[in-house]
Protein backbone atom coordinates (compact mmCIF):
# COMPACT_ATOMS: atom_id res chain seq x y z
CA MET A 1 14.09 -17.32 -10.85
CA ILE A 2 13.50 -14.57 -8.79
CA ILE A 3 10.98 -15.19 -5.92
CA LYS A 4 9.99 -12.07 -3.40
CA ILE A 5 8.48 -12.79 0.06
CA LEU A 6 6.70 -9.46 0.76
CA GLY A 7 6.28 -8.47 4.20
CA GLU A 8 7.24 -6.22 7.09
CA GLY A 9 9.52 -8.84 9.18
CA CYS A 10 6.56 -10.38 11.11
CA SER A 11 6.95 -14.20 12.38
CA LYS A 12 4.44 -15.30 9.25
CA CYS A 13 6.86 -13.93 6.80
CA ASP A 14 9.73 -15.67 8.97
CA GLU A 15 7.73 -18.81 8.15
CA GLN A 16 6.96 -17.85 4.47
CA LEU A 17 10.74 -17.71 4.01
CA LYS A 18 11.43 -20.70 5.61
CA ASN A 19 8.63 -22.91 3.72
CA VAL A 20 10.23 -21.40 0.27
CA GLU A 21 13.40 -22.01 0.57
CA LYS A 22 12.60 -25.95 1.86
CA ALA A 23 10.46 -25.75 -1.56
CA ILE A 24 13.37 -24.89 -3.54
CA GLU A 25 16.22 -27.28 -2.05
CA GLU A 26 13.42 -29.95 -2.46
CA LEU A 27 12.74 -29.37 -5.94
CA GLY A 28 16.49 -28.63 -6.88
CA LEU A 29 15.80 -25.28 -8.13
CA GLU A 30 18.17 -22.21 -8.57
CA ALA A 31 16.54 -19.12 -7.37
CA ASP A 32 17.15 -15.75 -6.01
CA ILE A 33 15.08 -15.12 -2.61
CA GLN A 34 14.93 -11.46 -1.57
CA LYS A 35 13.05 -10.30 1.43
CA VAL A 36 10.89 -7.47 0.55
CA GLU A 37 10.44 -5.31 3.91
CA ASP A 38 9.68 -1.76 2.89
CA PHE A 39 6.05 -0.79 3.10
CA ARG A 40 6.20 1.15 -0.30
CA GLU A 41 7.50 -1.41 -2.41
CA ILE A 42 5.54 -4.44 -1.12
CA VAL A 43 2.20 -1.31 -2.32
CA VAL A 44 3.49 -1.25 -5.40
CA TYR A 45 2.57 -4.80 -6.04
CA GLY A 46 -0.93 -4.46 -5.11
CA VAL A 47 -0.57 -6.33 -1.82
CA MET A 48 -2.76 -5.21 1.12
CA SER A 49 -1.84 -8.15 3.19
CA THR A 50 0.94 -10.17 3.97
CA PRO A 51 3.12 -12.63 3.88
CA ALA A 52 2.85 -12.23 -0.42
CA LEU A 53 5.29 -14.47 -2.59
CA VAL A 54 6.00 -13.39 -5.41
CA VAL A 55 7.62 -15.01 -8.08
CA ASP A 56 9.30 -13.33 -11.69
CA GLU A 57 7.30 -10.19 -10.75
CA VAL A 58 3.97 -12.08 -10.23
CA VAL A 59 1.99 -12.18 -7.22
CA LYS A 60 1.28 -15.84 -5.95
CA SER A 61 -0.10 -15.49 -3.20
CA SER A 62 -0.66 -12.85 -0.18
CA GLY A 63 -2.34 -12.70 3.64
CA ARG A 64 -1.53 -16.00 4.31
CA VAL A 65 1.79 -18.35 4.93
CA LEU A 66 1.77 -20.98 2.03
CA SER A 67 3.01 -24.93 2.85
CA VAL A 68 5.57 -25.87 1.33
CA LYS A 69 3.44 -28.09 -0.93
CA GLU A 70 1.93 -25.01 -2.10
CA VAL A 71 5.16 -23.37 -2.84
CA LYS A 72 6.06 -25.68 -4.83
CA LYS A 73 2.78 -26.03 -6.77
CA TYR A 74 3.85 -22.18 -7.76
CA LEU A 75 7.28 -22.62 -8.69
């Protein structure tokens, strides 16, 4: 599983990353987590507000920080 956190390095993006890491740990999954901060790459996904969560190249959420529980639903 490839998970991407899209965002330009703001505190909300960091919080999203922490919640994703915790969700993966709690579920016992193995995943490649990537933080994407390049604006041009973010736009390719059609995301206009960050942070965004992308799982296996599908945008699952954008514009808000997901809780650990919400992240688990998408994984």
